[in-house]
Amino acid sequence: LDFMYSENQAAFEAPASKALLLLKIADILQISSLFEAMGRRIEAAFEDTAPLLLEQYCRFHIPGTDDGAALRQIRDGAVDLIVRKFQPFLTNAEMKTALLRLPARVLVEILQADELLVASEDVVFDFVLSRLHGELESDGPNGPNEKDPRPSDGEKASTPERQDGEDSDDEEALWDQVRWAFLSSTKFAQALALGNSLLKPEVTQRALTVRTTRFDLGGAEAFGSMGYMNSLVPRRPILPPGVPPPTSTEIDFCFHYAHSEQYACGEALRSQPKRIGDVVLRVLVFPAGTDTGVARGSLSVFLEAVPQPSWPRDWEFANIRYGIACIRWPSGSGETWAAKKKSDLWTFKANRLDRGWHDFLAPGEIHRYLGPDGFVCIRGSLEQECLGRAFLLNQASQAGYSGGVGDAAGSSASRRSWVPRSHPMSEQQ
């Protein structure tokens, strides 16, 4: 009615949360001018409001009925865009709320995609847990260390624990979209602690089976005939065009960076651990810098050893030459990717777990390395020359080197030690 009685229908504005509903009404009532106006409104804001549009579609769509070619095109386009921008949408409170309100059958269609844009499987776990637990304010989209970038003074959007028409089978189908084999140990432990009210025993059994299949050397042979082994396929990695996948001596870690206030100083993110020889390493990142005196807003990056129960108490990996690179996306057509890389020599031991740079990137420099969807890609590596020292078998014959080479390299817990280098830093920009 506001539209029909508007003096200037061409200037009529409708909120994104109602645009598709008005389009449907205009289609039913055959109000062509309103239909065209809402079509233009949807087209102009589609890239930024796809979750809202899909949520509106699901509110009026009756499964098994045909809403017409135009609405089907909007629906399918919204699903495709959400798959390609899933985690960036989660950083927007309004879009995240819309996604959490989607019916389980639609979420299954989105979450099952190999191309789902997430930095890690932890993002999918947190989302499904929020959806089933009915809490919109949980750990942020990068895991337990990320805060919602748009808090609302204690307010929570409400979502029912189980939507109308949904049952436990729908909840189970949502859990089955989590690729348990690639979930971090911290999140997997959290899942096992949920209890039967949120995680049925059948789901827990499947989760344990796929993790065993991946990590047990004979797992694929023993469990390969089971029907849910498709969850052993990893999501598409987030890498700039042309960057080769990581080798067996490289560790990739991606995280989403929406704005400078997203992370607190001293807030840490960690990659999945990777075994190289006997040593187990992961990338340790402080997106807003460590709290050891480094300039606020610096990007601090380290390579961290992850002690294993099978290692001796006096374990040591001596004279390990490692590198850390921040990969930059091409900024225009015809350009190729580039990387800023630093390298150092270090002996990893029980009281010297990590080594890297508190000021790997200077304040504000991180924006040069953001991808088009706001992701930062870090790659840690061991140099080939030291692979023989990555085995505990050789530790008795190695003289441990405790530092003194890396320019500004240091432990994440220590203040920067500005030690002159005897080996030049490798840096490519």
Protein backbone atom coordinates (compact mmCIF):
# COMPACT_ATOMS: atom_id res chain seq x y z
CA LEU A 1 0.00 0.00 0.00
CA ASP A 2 2.89 2.36 0.74
CA PHE A 3 4.16 1.71 -2.76
CA MET A 4 0.78 2.10 -4.46
CA TYR A 5 0.09 5.45 -2.74
CA SER A 6 3.64 6.75 -3.07
CA GLU A 7 3.87 10.00 -5.01
CA ASN A 8 7.15 8.89 -6.56
CA GLN A 9 7.12 5.13 -7.01
CA ALA A 10 10.51 5.21 -8.73
CA ALA A 11 12.07 6.49 -5.49
CA PHE A 12 10.27 3.97 -3.24
CA GLU A 13 12.68 2.10 -1.00
CA ALA A 14 12.14 -1.21 0.75
CA PRO A 15 14.46 -2.85 3.31
CA ALA A 16 16.42 -5.86 2.12
CA SER A 17 14.62 -7.97 4.73
CA LYS A 18 11.30 -7.44 2.87
CA ALA A 19 12.30 -7.04 -0.76
CA LEU A 20 11.68 -10.64 -1.83
CA LEU A 21 8.44 -10.86 0.14
CA LEU A 22 7.19 -7.77 -1.69
CA LEU A 23 8.30 -9.28 -4.99
CA LYS A 24 6.21 -12.38 -4.23
CA ILE A 25 3.20 -10.26 -3.26
CA ALA A 26 3.55 -8.22 -6.44
CA ASP A 27 3.67 -11.45 -8.45
CA ILE A 28 0.49 -12.78 -6.79
CA LEU A 29 -1.42 -9.50 -7.13
CA GLN A 30 -0.03 -8.81 -10.61
CA ILE A 31 1.34 -5.39 -9.65
CA SER A 32 3.94 -5.13 -12.40
CA SER A 33 5.41 -1.80 -11.27
CA LEU A 34 6.07 -3.12 -7.74
CA PHE A 35 7.45 -6.37 -9.18
CA GLU A 36 9.90 -4.46 -11.37
CA ALA A 37 10.90 -2.10 -8.54
CA MET A 38 11.64 -4.96 -6.15
CA GLY A 39 13.47 -6.81 -8.91
CA ARG A 40 15.80 -3.84 -9.31
CA ARG A 41 16.20 -3.56 -5.53
CA ILE A 42 17.14 -7.23 -5.23
CA GLU A 43 19.55 -7.11 -8.15
CA ALA A 44 21.35 -4.05 -6.79
CA ALA A 45 21.91 -5.56 -3.32
CA PHE A 46 22.10 -9.26 -4.20
CA GLU A 47 25.84 -9.68 -3.53
CA ASP A 48 25.51 -8.31 0.00
CA THR A 49 22.09 -9.65 1.05
CA ALA A 50 21.85 -13.18 -0.37
CA PRO A 51 21.21 -14.79 3.07
CA LEU A 52 18.31 -12.40 3.75
CA LEU A 53 16.81 -13.10 0.34
CA LEU A 54 17.06 -16.86 0.78
CA GLU A 55 15.54 -16.65 4.26
CA GLN A 56 12.57 -14.71 2.84
CA TYR A 57 12.14 -17.24 0.05
CA CYS A 58 12.01 -20.10 2.55
CA ARG A 59 9.33 -18.28 4.55
CA PHE A 60 6.79 -18.39 1.72
CA HIS A 61 7.96 -21.38 -0.31
CA ILE A 62 5.94 -24.59 0.04
CA PRO A 63 8.11 -27.64 -0.76
CA GLY A 64 6.94 -29.35 -3.92
CA THR A 65 5.36 -26.23 -5.41
CA ASP A 66 6.63 -24.05 -8.26
CA ASP A 67 7.18 -20.37 -7.48
CA GLY A 68 8.06 -19.44 -11.04
CA ALA A 69 11.30 -19.06 -12.96
CA ALA A 70 12.23 -15.64 -11.56
CA LEU A 71 12.00 -16.70 -7.91
CA ARG A 72 13.73 -20.02 -8.57
CA GLN A 73 16.60 -18.13 -10.19
CA ILE A 74 16.90 -15.86 -7.13
CA ARG A 75 16.79 -18.84 -4.80
CA ASP A 76 19.44 -20.85 -6.70
CA GLY A 77 21.64 -17.79 -7.12
CA ALA A 78 21.46 -17.05 -3.40
CA VAL A 79 22.46 -20.61 -2.48
CA ASP A 80 25.42 -20.47 -4.86
CA LEU A 81 26.58 -17.09 -3.54
CA ILE A 82 26.28 -18.20 0.09
CA VAL A 83 28.46 -21.22 -0.66
CA ARG A 84 31.10 -18.95 -2.23
CA LYS A 85 30.99 -16.33 0.57
CA PHE A 86 29.89 -18.34 3.60
CA GLN A 87 32.39 -17.19 6.21
CA PRO A 88 32.39 -13.52 5.12
CA PHE A 89 28.59 -13.54 5.54
CA LEU A 90 29.03 -14.89 9.09
CA THR A 91 30.95 -11.77 10.10
CA ASN A 92 27.79 -9.70 9.46
CA ALA A 93 25.35 -10.14 12.36
CA GLU A 94 22.24 -9.65 10.21
CA MET A 95 23.38 -12.11 7.56
CA LYS A 96 24.43 -14.68 10.17
CA THR A 97 21.00 -14.46 11.80
CA ALA A 98 19.33 -15.04 8.43
CA LEU A 99 21.52 -18.08 7.78
CA LEU A 100 20.73 -19.58 11.18
CA ARG A 101 17.00 -19.25 10.43
CA LEU A 102 17.16 -21.27 7.22
CA PRO A 103 15.44 -24.68 7.20
CA ALA A 104 17.71 -27.65 7.81
CA ARG A 105 17.18 -29.04 4.29
CA VAL A 106 18.48 -25.80 2.77
CA LEU A 107 21.44 -25.62 5.14
CA VAL A 108 22.36 -29.20 4.22
CA GLU A 109 22.44 -28.16 0.56
CA ILE A 110 24.81 -25.31 1.43
CA LEU A 111 27.07 -27.05 3.94
CA GLN A 112 27.63 -30.18 1.86
CA ALA A 113 29.43 -28.22 -0.89
CA ASP A 114 33.15 -28.91 -1.33
CA GLU A 115 33.51 -25.25 -2.39
CA LEU A 116 32.07 -23.86 0.87
CA LEU A 117 34.26 -20.85 1.66
CA VAL A 118 35.59 -21.42 5.18
CA ALA A 119 39.06 -21.05 6.64
CA SER A 120 38.66 -24.34 8.53
CA GLU A 121 36.09 -26.99 9.34
CA ASP A 122 35.79 -25.46 12.81
CA VAL A 123 33.68 -22.72 11.21
CA VAL A 124 31.13 -25.30 10.05
CA PHE A 125 31.06 -26.98 13.46
CA ASP A 126 30.46 -23.69 15.27
CA PHE A 127 27.67 -22.77 12.85
CA VAL A 128 25.84 -26.10 13.18
CA LEU A 129 26.21 -25.99 16.97
CA SER A 130 24.75 -22.47 17.05
CA ARG A 131 21.89 -23.53 14.79
CA LEU A 132 20.96 -26.57 16.87
CA HIS A 133 21.63 -24.99 20.24
CA GLY A 134 19.59 -21.94 19.39
CA GLU A 135 22.36 -19.47 20.30
CA LEU A 136 23.45 -16.84 17.83
CA GLU A 137 26.22 -15.53 20.07
CA SER A 138 28.81 -18.28 20.28
CA ASP A 139 32.46 -18.49 19.27
CA GLY A 140 33.28 -16.37 16.20
CA PRO A 141 33.53 -17.71 12.65
CA ASN A 142 37.29 -18.43 12.98
CA GLY A 143 36.81 -20.53 16.14
CA PRO A 144 37.04 -19.90 19.87
CA ASN A 145 39.48 -17.00 19.56
CA GLU A 146 37.39 -14.79 17.32
CA LYS A 147 34.88 -12.29 18.60
CA ASP A 148 31.74 -11.22 16.80
CA PRO A 149 32.78 -7.99 15.04
CA ARG A 150 29.34 -6.45 15.60
CA PRO A 151 28.22 -7.03 19.20
CA SER A 152 24.89 -5.60 20.29
CA ASP A 153 25.05 -4.65 23.98
CA GLY A 154 24.07 -8.05 25.27
CA GLU A 155 21.18 -8.54 22.87
CA LYS A 156 20.65 -11.89 21.24
CA ALA A 157 18.64 -12.66 18.17
CA SER A 158 16.28 -15.52 18.89
CA THR A 159 16.14 -18.74 16.94
CA PRO A 160 14.09 -21.76 18.05
CA GLU A 161 16.06 -24.84 18.93
CA ARG A 162 14.03 -26.79 16.41
CA GLN A 163 12.10 -25.10 13.61
CA ASP A 164 8.56 -26.08 12.72
CA GLY A 165 8.41 -29.28 10.72
CA GLU A 166 11.95 -30.35 11.64
CA ASP A 167 12.83 -33.44 13.63
CA SER A 168 15.89 -35.23 14.97
CA ASP A 169 16.66 -36.59 11.50
CA ASP A 170 17.08 -33.02 10.23
CA GLU A 171 19.45 -32.28 13.11
CA GLU A 172 21.41 -35.44 12.34
CA ALA A 173 21.63 -34.41 8.69
CA LEU A 174 23.14 -31.08 9.73
CA TRP A 175 25.79 -32.78 11.89
CA ASP A 176 26.62 -35.06 8.97
CA GLN A 177 27.73 -32.02 6.97
CA VAL A 178 30.59 -31.44 9.41
CA ARG A 179 33.70 -33.09 7.99
CA TRP A 180 34.83 -34.56 11.27
CA ALA A 181 38.14 -35.80 9.91
CA PHE A 182 39.30 -32.19 9.44
CA LEU A 183 37.95 -30.71 12.68
CA SER A 184 40.54 -29.42 15.14
CA SER A 185 41.21 -31.51 18.23
CA THR A 186 39.82 -28.73 20.45
CA LYS A 187 36.52 -28.64 18.61
CA PHE A 188 36.28 -32.43 18.40
CA ALA A 189 36.72 -32.66 22.17
CA GLN A 190 33.98 -30.04 22.53
CA ALA A 191 31.71 -32.11 20.29
CA LEU A 192 32.21 -35.27 22.34
CA ALA A 193 31.30 -33.34 25.49
CA LEU A 194 27.95 -32.15 24.10
CA GLY A 195 25.98 -35.18 25.24
CA ASN A 196 23.12 -37.04 23.59
CA SER A 197 20.75 -34.08 23.64
CA LEU A 198 22.75 -32.32 20.91
CA LEU A 199 24.86 -35.10 19.41
CA LYS A 200 23.21 -38.48 18.96
CA PRO A 201 25.32 -41.61 19.58
CA GLU A 202 25.02 -42.56 15.90
CA VAL A 203 26.56 -39.25 14.86
CA THR A 204 29.36 -39.63 17.41
CA GLN A 205 30.12 -43.11 16.10
CA ARG A 206 30.37 -41.84 12.51
CA ALA A 207 32.55 -38.93 13.61
CA LEU A 208 34.96 -41.24 15.43
CA THR A 209 35.03 -43.61 12.47
CA VAL A 210 35.98 -40.98 9.88
CA ARG A 211 38.72 -39.60 12.15
CA THR A 212 40.09 -43.10 12.63
CA THR A 213 39.95 -43.64 8.88
CA ARG A 214 41.99 -40.52 8.24
CA PHE A 215 44.58 -40.80 11.01
CA ASP A 216 45.03 -44.58 11.22
CA LEU A 217 47.41 -45.81 8.52
CA GLY A 218 45.15 -48.79 7.90
CA GLY A 219 41.92 -46.90 8.34
CA ALA A 220 41.02 -46.43 4.68
CA GLU A 221 41.33 -50.16 4.06
CA ALA A 222 39.33 -51.13 7.14
CA PHE A 223 36.50 -48.58 6.89
CA GLY A 224 36.50 -47.66 3.19
CA SER A 225 33.31 -49.61 2.44
CA MET A 226 31.16 -47.50 4.75
CA GLY A 227 28.74 -45.14 3.08
CA TYR A 228 29.74 -41.87 4.75
CA MET A 229 33.37 -41.76 3.67
CA ASN A 230 32.63 -38.70 1.49
CA SER A 231 33.36 -36.63 4.60
CA LEU A 232 37.02 -37.57 4.15
CA VAL A 233 37.21 -35.13 1.22
CA PRO A 234 38.59 -31.76 2.41
CA ARG A 235 36.97 -28.45 1.51
CA ARG A 236 38.49 -26.45 -1.29
CA PRO A 237 41.57 -24.70 0.12
CA ILE A 238 41.70 -20.91 0.15
CA LEU A 239 44.73 -19.87 -1.89
CA PRO A 240 45.49 -17.06 -4.35
CA PRO A 241 45.25 -18.10 -8.01
CA GLY A 242 48.37 -19.89 -9.19
CA VAL A 243 49.73 -20.78 -5.74
CA PRO A 244 50.62 -24.49 -5.65
CA PRO A 245 49.16 -26.60 -2.84
CA PRO A 246 51.41 -27.12 0.20
CA THR A 247 54.01 -29.86 -0.01
CA SER A 248 54.67 -32.42 2.73
CA THR A 249 57.06 -29.93 4.41
CA GLU A 250 54.68 -26.94 4.28
CA ILE A 251 51.81 -25.90 6.56
CA ASP A 252 49.07 -23.58 5.30
CA PHE A 253 46.87 -21.50 7.57
CA CYS A 254 44.11 -19.13 6.50
CA PHE A 255 42.05 -16.80 8.67
CA HIS A 256 39.40 -14.19 7.99
CA TYR A 257 40.20 -10.57 8.74
CA ALA A 258 37.18 -8.27 8.55
CA HIS A 259 38.53 -5.17 10.33
CA SER A 260 41.23 -4.02 12.74
CA GLU A 261 39.04 -4.32 15.86
CA GLN A 262 38.07 -7.93 15.17
CA TYR A 263 40.88 -9.35 17.31
CA ALA A 264 42.31 -8.30 20.66
CA CYS A 265 46.02 -7.78 21.20
CA GLY A 266 47.50 -11.09 22.32
CA GLU A 267 44.65 -13.13 20.83
CA ALA A 268 46.03 -16.27 19.19
CA LEU A 269 44.91 -18.45 16.28
CA ARG A 270 46.49 -21.81 15.45
CA SER A 271 46.55 -24.00 12.37
CA GLN A 272 46.02 -27.72 12.34
CA PRO A 273 49.25 -29.52 13.38
CA LYS A 274 51.28 -31.30 10.71
CA ARG A 275 53.85 -34.04 11.15
CA ILE A 276 57.08 -33.56 9.22
CA GLY A 277 59.39 -36.45 10.02
CA ASP A 278 58.94 -36.85 13.77
CA VAL A 279 58.41 -33.17 14.55
CA VAL A 280 54.82 -31.92 14.75
CA LEU A 281 54.40 -28.24 13.94
CA ARG A 282 51.64 -25.69 13.48
CA VAL A 283 51.38 -22.03 12.53
CA LEU A 284 50.68 -19.66 15.44
CA VAL A 285 49.22 -16.26 14.50
CA PHE A 286 48.36 -13.15 16.53
CA PRO A 287 46.28 -11.06 14.08
CA ALA A 288 46.51 -7.94 16.29
CA GLY A 289 50.05 -8.60 17.53
CA THR A 290 51.41 -10.07 20.75
CA ASP A 291 51.21 -8.22 24.07
CA THR A 292 54.99 -8.07 24.41
CA GLY A 293 55.57 -4.48 23.35
CA VAL A 294 55.18 -4.84 19.59
CA ALA A 295 53.31 -2.01 17.84
CA ARG A 296 49.53 -2.39 18.08
CA GLY A 297 48.12 -3.82 14.86
CA SER A 298 51.22 -5.76 13.86
CA LEU A 299 50.75 -9.27 12.50
CA SER A 300 52.77 -11.69 14.65
CA VAL A 301 53.48 -15.14 13.18
CA PHE A 302 55.36 -18.11 14.63
CA LEU A 303 56.01 -21.76 13.95
CA GLU A 304 55.12 -23.81 17.03
CA ALA A 305 56.10 -27.37 17.99
CA VAL A 306 53.28 -29.54 19.37
CA PRO A 307 54.74 -32.02 21.93
CA GLN A 308 53.59 -35.63 21.51
CA PRO A 309 53.15 -38.26 24.26
CA SER A 310 55.59 -40.58 22.47
CA TRP A 311 58.44 -38.06 22.59
CA PRO A 312 61.08 -38.41 25.34
CA ARG A 313 61.03 -35.85 28.15
CA ASP A 314 64.22 -34.22 26.85
CA TRP A 315 63.08 -34.10 23.23
CA GLU A 316 64.88 -31.74 20.89
CA PHE A 317 64.90 -30.95 17.18
CA ALA A 318 68.15 -29.11 16.61
CA ASN A 319 69.16 -26.57 13.96
CA ILE A 320 65.83 -26.53 12.15
CA ARG A 321 65.77 -23.97 9.37
CA TYR A 322 62.20 -22.85 8.83
CA GLY A 323 60.42 -20.21 6.81
CA ILE A 324 57.17 -18.27 7.15
CA ALA A 325 55.48 -16.57 4.21
CA CYS A 326 52.44 -14.32 3.90
CA ILE A 327 50.95 -14.77 0.43
CA ARG A 328 49.50 -11.82 -1.44
CA TRP A 329 46.61 -12.07 -3.89
CA PRO A 330 47.03 -10.51 -7.34
CA SER A 331 45.65 -6.98 -7.26
CA GLY A 332 44.72 -6.77 -10.94
CA SER A 333 44.49 -8.63 -14.20
CA GLY A 334 47.78 -9.89 -15.52
CA GLU A 335 49.42 -9.86 -12.08
CA THR A 336 50.61 -12.98 -10.30
CA TRP A 337 50.69 -13.81 -6.63
CA ALA A 338 53.61 -12.72 -4.46
CA ALA A 339 54.83 -13.49 -0.95
CA LYS A 340 56.70 -11.88 1.89
CA LYS A 341 58.93 -14.55 3.41
CA LYS A 342 61.26 -14.67 6.38
CA SER A 343 63.50 -17.54 7.47
CA ASP A 344 65.43 -18.43 10.59
CA LEU A 345 67.33 -21.24 12.32
CA TRP A 346 66.05 -22.63 15.62
CA THR A 347 66.23 -25.58 17.98
CA PHE A 348 62.77 -26.65 19.11
CA LYS A 349 62.67 -28.18 22.59
CA ALA A 350 60.34 -28.43 25.58
CA ASN A 351 61.07 -24.92 26.87
CA ARG A 352 61.45 -23.38 23.39
CA LEU A 353 58.28 -24.41 21.62
CA ASP A 354 57.91 -21.64 19.05
CA ARG A 355 59.91 -19.20 16.98
CA GLY A 356 58.95 -16.41 14.61
CA TRP A 357 58.37 -12.68 14.31
CA HIS A 358 56.33 -10.35 16.49
CA ASP A 359 56.23 -7.79 13.66
CA PHE A 360 56.02 -10.03 10.61
CA LEU A 361 53.77 -7.38 9.10
CA ALA A 362 53.79 -3.77 10.30
CA PRO A 363 50.57 -2.10 11.49
CA GLY A 364 48.28 -1.53 8.50
CA GLU A 365 50.39 -3.69 6.20
CA ILE A 366 48.01 -6.63 6.48
CA HIS A 367 45.57 -4.98 4.06
CA ARG A 368 48.06 -5.51 1.24
CA TYR A 369 47.71 -9.26 1.79
CA LEU A 370 43.93 -9.55 2.10
CA GLY A 371 42.17 -11.64 -0.52
CA PRO A 372 38.98 -10.39 -2.23
CA ASP A 373 36.85 -12.07 0.47
CA GLY A 374 39.00 -10.88 3.39
CA PHE A 375 41.21 -13.92 3.98
CA VAL A 376 44.89 -13.89 4.92
CA CYS A 377 46.99 -16.89 3.89
CA ILE A 378 50.13 -17.88 5.83
CA ARG A 379 52.49 -20.70 4.83
CA GLY A 380 55.08 -22.16 7.20
CA SER A 381 57.75 -24.54 5.97
CA LEU A 382 60.88 -26.50 6.82
CA GLU A 383 63.84 -26.16 4.47
CA GLN A 384 65.03 -29.36 2.79
CA GLU A 385 68.53 -29.00 4.24
CA CYS A 386 67.28 -29.75 7.76
CA LEU A 387 64.82 -32.59 7.08
CA GLY A 388 67.29 -35.13 8.41
CA ARG A 389 67.18 -33.32 11.75
CA ALA A 390 63.39 -33.58 11.96
CA PHE A 391 63.70 -37.09 13.39
CA LEU A 392 64.26 -37.94 17.04
CA LEU A 393 66.55 -40.73 15.89
CA ASN A 394 69.23 -38.14 15.10
CA GLN A 395 68.88 -35.86 18.11
CA ALA A 396 71.76 -37.38 20.11
CA SER A 397 74.27 -36.46 17.41
CA GLN A 398 73.09 -32.88 16.91
CA ALA A 399 74.44 -29.90 18.77
CA GLY A 400 71.42 -27.82 19.74
CA TYR A 401 71.27 -24.27 18.42
CA SER A 402 69.21 -21.96 20.57
CA GLY A 403 69.09 -18.80 18.53
CA GLY A 404 71.03 -15.68 17.70
CA VAL A 405 70.48 -15.75 13.94
CA GLY A 406 66.99 -14.47 13.07
CA ASP A 407 66.40 -10.76 12.57
CA ALA A 408 63.61 -9.95 15.08
CA ALA A 409 62.82 -13.64 15.42
CA GLY A 410 61.80 -14.76 18.86
CA SER A 411 59.39 -16.75 20.98
CA SER A 412 55.77 -15.63 21.02
CA ALA A 413 56.03 -15.20 24.81
CA SER A 414 59.23 -13.17 24.84
CA ARG A 415 59.98 -9.60 23.95
CA ARG A 416 61.67 -9.01 20.64
CA SER A 417 65.39 -9.62 20.60
CA TRP A 418 67.07 -7.53 17.93
CA VAL A 419 70.03 -9.78 17.16
CA PRO A 420 72.25 -9.13 14.12
CA ARG A 421 71.89 -11.78 11.47
CA SER A 422 74.70 -13.78 10.02
CA HIS A 423 72.34 -15.11 7.35
CA PRO A 424 70.32 -12.62 5.26
CA MET A 425 66.57 -12.74 5.54
CA SER A 426 64.84 -14.15 2.51
CA GLU A 427 62.09 -11.76 1.51
CA GLN A 428 60.15 -11.56 -1.68
CA GLN A 429 57.50 -8.98 -2.34
